[in-house]
Amino acid sequence: MSTWRERWAEQLSALGLGQVIVALEVGAEPYAQRDAASLGASGLRSRVLDLRDLGLVEKNADVSDYLNSGAGSRVALLSCLKQEVER
């Protein structure tokens, strides 16, 4: 479940960010889509990073699980993020 607050989108927009990548835990994809829509409504470009693309399949696994597992690397994560941005 996402704890996203609408006011955060406004705050990020006020910071002048051009794009935000949403990466919620596995199983929370509908919430990630909703959060991305909230960011879009505030004028920000947003993308959802599907953590299953990094090989995470266990429900509730998140980016920290990926990095702490030893199977994931920061380089691979950054590469995946870069691909999302370039889409």
N, C-alpha and C. Protein backbone atom coordinates (compact mmCIF):
# COMPACT_ATOMS: atom_id res chain seq x y z
N MET A 1 0.84 -1.18 0.00
CA MET A 1 0.00 0.00 0.00
C MET A 1 0.89 1.24 0.00
N SER A 2 0.49 2.21 -0.74
CA SER A 2 1.26 3.44 -0.86
C SER A 2 0.84 4.44 0.21
N THR A 3 1.82 5.15 0.72
CA THR A 3 1.54 6.21 1.69
C THR A 3 1.64 7.59 1.03
N TRP A 4 1.56 7.61 -0.29
CA TRP A 4 1.74 8.83 -1.07
C TRP A 4 0.74 9.90 -0.66
N ARG A 5 1.23 11.12 -0.58
CA ARG A 5 0.39 12.28 -0.27
C ARG A 5 0.42 13.22 -1.46
N GLU A 6 -0.74 13.71 -1.85
CA GLU A 6 -0.86 14.60 -3.01
C GLU A 6 0.04 15.83 -2.87
N ARG A 7 0.18 16.33 -1.67
CA ARG A 7 0.99 17.54 -1.46
C ARG A 7 2.46 17.31 -1.83
N TRP A 8 2.91 16.05 -1.77
CA TRP A 8 4.30 15.77 -2.13
C TRP A 8 4.54 16.02 -3.61
N ALA A 9 3.55 15.74 -4.45
CA ALA A 9 3.69 16.01 -5.88
C ALA A 9 3.86 17.51 -6.10
N GLU A 10 3.09 18.30 -5.39
CA GLU A 10 3.21 19.76 -5.50
C GLU A 10 4.58 20.23 -5.03
N GLN A 11 5.09 19.63 -3.95
CA GLN A 11 6.40 20.01 -3.43
C GLN A 11 7.51 19.65 -4.42
N LEU A 12 7.42 18.47 -5.02
CA LEU A 12 8.41 18.06 -6.01
C LEU A 12 8.37 18.96 -7.23
N SER A 13 7.17 19.33 -7.64
CA SER A 13 7.02 20.23 -8.77
C SER A 13 7.64 21.59 -8.46
N ALA A 14 7.43 22.06 -7.24
CA ALA A 14 7.98 23.36 -6.83
C ALA A 14 9.51 23.34 -6.81
N LEU A 15 10.10 22.17 -6.64
CA LEU A 15 11.56 22.05 -6.66
C LEU A 15 12.12 22.12 -8.08
N GLY A 16 11.24 22.05 -9.05
CA GLY A 16 11.68 22.14 -10.44
C GLY A 16 12.14 20.82 -11.03
N LEU A 17 11.78 19.73 -10.41
CA LEU A 17 12.14 18.43 -10.98
C LEU A 17 11.40 18.22 -12.29
N GLY A 18 12.08 17.67 -13.26
CA GLY A 18 11.45 17.43 -14.55
C GLY A 18 10.78 16.08 -14.64
N GLN A 19 11.36 15.10 -13.96
CA GLN A 19 10.84 13.74 -14.06
C GLN A 19 11.08 13.00 -12.76
N VAL A 20 10.14 12.14 -12.42
CA VAL A 20 10.22 11.34 -11.21
C VAL A 20 9.95 9.89 -11.59
N ILE A 21 10.74 8.99 -11.01
CA ILE A 21 10.51 7.56 -11.22
C ILE A 21 9.94 6.98 -9.94
N VAL A 22 8.80 6.33 -10.08
CA VAL A 22 8.11 5.71 -8.95
C VAL A 22 8.51 4.24 -8.91
N ALA A 23 9.00 3.78 -7.77
CA ALA A 23 9.41 2.38 -7.62
C ALA A 23 8.87 1.85 -6.29
N LEU A 24 7.65 1.37 -6.31
CA LEU A 24 7.07 0.80 -5.10
C LEU A 24 7.37 -0.69 -5.04
N GLU A 25 7.06 -1.29 -3.90
CA GLU A 25 7.35 -2.70 -3.72
C GLU A 25 6.53 -3.58 -4.67
N VAL A 26 7.03 -4.79 -4.88
CA VAL A 26 6.36 -5.76 -5.74
C VAL A 26 4.96 -6.03 -5.16
N GLY A 27 3.97 -5.98 -6.01
CA GLY A 27 2.59 -6.18 -5.58
C GLY A 27 1.83 -4.88 -5.42
N ALA A 28 2.55 -3.76 -5.46
CA ALA A 28 1.91 -2.45 -5.27
C ALA A 28 1.83 -1.69 -6.59
N GLU A 29 1.87 -2.40 -7.70
CA GLU A 29 1.87 -1.74 -9.01
C GLU A 29 0.67 -0.82 -9.23
N PRO A 30 -0.54 -1.21 -8.81
CA PRO A 30 -1.67 -0.27 -8.99
C PRO A 30 -1.47 1.05 -8.24
N TYR A 31 -0.87 0.97 -7.06
CA TYR A 31 -0.59 2.19 -6.29
C TYR A 31 0.47 3.04 -6.99
N ALA A 32 1.46 2.38 -7.56
CA ALA A 32 2.51 3.10 -8.28
C ALA A 32 1.91 3.86 -9.46
N GLN A 33 0.98 3.23 -10.17
CA GLN A 33 0.32 3.91 -11.29
C GLN A 33 -0.48 5.12 -10.80
N ARG A 34 -1.15 4.96 -9.68
CA ARG A 34 -1.92 6.08 -9.10
C ARG A 34 -0.99 7.22 -8.69
N ASP A 35 0.13 6.87 -8.07
CA ASP A 35 1.09 7.90 -7.64
C ASP A 35 1.69 8.63 -8.85
N ALA A 36 1.97 7.88 -9.90
CA ALA A 36 2.50 8.48 -11.12
C ALA A 36 1.47 9.44 -11.73
N ALA A 37 0.20 9.07 -11.68
CA ALA A 37 -0.85 9.96 -12.20
C ALA A 37 -0.92 11.24 -11.37
N SER A 38 -0.74 11.12 -10.06
CA SER A 38 -0.73 12.29 -9.18
C SER A 38 0.41 13.23 -9.55
N LEU A 39 1.57 12.65 -9.82
CA LEU A 39 2.72 13.46 -10.24
C LEU A 39 2.44 14.15 -11.57
N GLY A 40 1.82 13.42 -12.49
CA GLY A 40 1.48 14.00 -13.79
C GLY A 40 0.51 15.16 -13.65
N ALA A 41 -0.44 15.03 -12.74
CA ALA A 41 -1.41 16.10 -12.52
C ALA A 41 -0.75 17.36 -11.97
N SER A 42 0.42 17.21 -11.38
CA SER A 42 1.17 18.36 -10.86
C SER A 42 2.17 18.90 -11.87
N GLY A 43 2.12 18.36 -13.10
CA GLY A 43 2.97 18.86 -14.16
C GLY A 43 4.32 18.16 -14.27
N LEU A 44 4.50 17.08 -13.54
CA LEU A 44 5.76 16.34 -13.61
C LEU A 44 5.63 15.14 -14.54
N ARG A 45 6.69 14.86 -15.27
CA ARG A 45 6.73 13.62 -16.04
C ARG A 45 7.06 12.51 -15.05
N SER A 46 6.40 11.40 -15.18
CA SER A 46 6.68 10.31 -14.26
C SER A 46 6.66 8.98 -15.00
N ARG A 47 7.40 8.06 -14.46
CA ARG A 47 7.48 6.69 -14.95
C ARG A 47 7.39 5.76 -13.76
N VAL A 48 6.88 4.58 -14.01
CA VAL A 48 6.84 3.55 -12.98
C VAL A 48 7.90 2.52 -13.31
N LEU A 49 8.79 2.27 -12.37
CA LEU A 49 9.79 1.22 -12.52
C LEU A 49 9.20 -0.05 -11.94
N ASP A 50 8.99 -1.04 -12.79
CA ASP A 50 8.47 -2.33 -12.33
C ASP A 50 9.64 -3.14 -11.81
N LEU A 51 9.68 -3.34 -10.51
CA LEU A 51 10.80 -4.02 -9.88
C LEU A 51 10.92 -5.47 -10.32
N ARG A 52 9.86 -6.01 -10.88
CA ARG A 52 9.95 -7.38 -11.40
C ARG A 52 10.93 -7.43 -12.57
N ASP A 53 11.14 -6.27 -13.25
CA ASP A 53 12.13 -6.21 -14.34
C ASP A 53 13.55 -6.39 -13.82
N LEU A 54 13.74 -6.19 -12.52
CA LEU A 54 15.05 -6.40 -11.89
C LEU A 54 15.17 -7.82 -11.32
N GLY A 55 14.14 -8.61 -11.50
CA GLY A 55 14.17 -9.98 -11.01
C GLY A 55 13.53 -10.18 -9.65
N LEU A 56 12.95 -9.11 -9.09
CA LEU A 56 12.26 -9.25 -7.81
C LEU A 56 10.88 -9.83 -8.05
N VAL A 57 10.56 -10.89 -7.35
CA VAL A 57 9.25 -11.52 -7.55
C VAL A 57 8.49 -11.68 -6.23
N GLU A 58 9.21 -11.67 -5.12
CA GLU A 58 8.56 -11.85 -3.83
C GLU A 58 7.69 -10.64 -3.50
N LYS A 59 6.46 -10.90 -3.11
CA LYS A 59 5.54 -9.82 -2.76
C LYS A 59 6.16 -8.95 -1.67
N ASN A 60 6.02 -7.67 -1.81
CA ASN A 60 6.52 -6.64 -0.90
C ASN A 60 8.02 -6.39 -1.00
N ALA A 61 8.71 -7.07 -1.92
CA ALA A 61 10.14 -6.78 -2.12
C ALA A 61 10.28 -5.39 -2.71
N ASP A 62 11.30 -4.65 -2.27
CA ASP A 62 11.50 -3.30 -2.78
C ASP A 62 12.96 -3.09 -3.17
N VAL A 63 13.30 -1.86 -3.51
CA VAL A 63 14.65 -1.56 -3.99
C VAL A 63 15.70 -1.95 -2.95
N SER A 64 15.42 -1.72 -1.68
CA SER A 64 16.41 -2.09 -0.66
C SER A 64 16.63 -3.60 -0.62
N ASP A 65 15.58 -4.37 -0.83
CA ASP A 65 15.73 -5.83 -0.90
C ASP A 65 16.63 -6.22 -2.07
N TYR A 66 16.42 -5.54 -3.18
CA TYR A 66 17.23 -5.81 -4.38
C TYR A 66 18.71 -5.55 -4.10
N LEU A 67 19.00 -4.41 -3.50
CA LEU A 67 20.39 -4.05 -3.24
C LEU A 67 21.02 -4.89 -2.13
N ASN A 68 20.23 -5.25 -1.13
CA ASN A 68 20.76 -6.01 0.00
C ASN A 68 20.88 -7.50 -0.26
N SER A 69 20.26 -7.99 -1.34
CA SER A 69 20.25 -9.43 -1.61
C SER A 69 21.60 -9.94 -2.09
N GLY A 70 22.43 -9.05 -2.58
CA GLY A 70 23.69 -9.49 -3.15
C GLY A 70 23.54 -9.83 -4.63
N ALA A 71 22.33 -10.11 -5.05
CA ALA A 71 22.08 -10.44 -6.46
C ALA A 71 21.96 -9.17 -7.30
N GLY A 72 21.57 -8.08 -6.65
CA GLY A 72 21.39 -6.82 -7.37
C GLY A 72 22.58 -5.91 -7.17
N SER A 73 22.76 -5.04 -8.11
CA SER A 73 23.86 -4.08 -7.97
C SER A 73 23.35 -2.68 -8.24
N ARG A 74 24.05 -1.72 -7.73
CA ARG A 74 23.69 -0.33 -7.99
C ARG A 74 23.81 -0.01 -9.47
N VAL A 75 24.82 -0.59 -10.11
CA VAL A 75 25.04 -0.34 -11.54
C VAL A 75 23.83 -0.84 -12.34
N ALA A 76 23.35 -2.05 -12.03
CA ALA A 76 22.19 -2.59 -12.74
C ALA A 76 20.94 -1.75 -12.46
N LEU A 77 20.78 -1.32 -11.22
CA LEU A 77 19.64 -0.48 -10.87
C LEU A 77 19.69 0.84 -11.63
N LEU A 78 20.84 1.49 -11.64
CA LEU A 78 20.98 2.75 -12.37
C LEU A 78 20.76 2.56 -13.87
N SER A 79 21.20 1.45 -14.40
CA SER A 79 20.97 1.15 -15.81
C SER A 79 19.48 1.03 -16.11
N CYS A 80 18.77 0.35 -15.24
CA CYS A 80 17.33 0.18 -15.41
C CYS A 80 16.62 1.53 -15.29
N LEU A 81 17.05 2.35 -14.34
CA LEU A 81 16.46 3.69 -14.19
C LEU A 81 16.72 4.54 -15.43
N LYS A 82 17.93 4.45 -15.95
CA LYS A 82 18.27 5.21 -17.16
C LYS A 82 17.38 4.79 -18.33
N GLN A 83 17.13 3.50 -18.46
CA GLN A 83 16.26 3.02 -19.53
C GLN A 83 14.85 3.59 -19.38
N GLU A 84 14.36 3.68 -18.14
CA GLU A 84 13.04 4.24 -17.91
C GLU A 84 12.98 5.71 -18.32
N VAL A 85 14.02 6.45 -17.96
CA VAL A 85 14.06 7.87 -18.29
C VAL A 85 14.09 8.09 -19.79
N GLU A 86 14.80 7.24 -20.50
CA GLU A 86 14.96 7.40 -21.95
C GLU A 86 13.77 6.91 -22.76
N ARG A 87 12.82 6.25 -22.11
CA ARG A 87 11.62 5.79 -22.83
C ARG A 87 10.78 6.91 -23.31
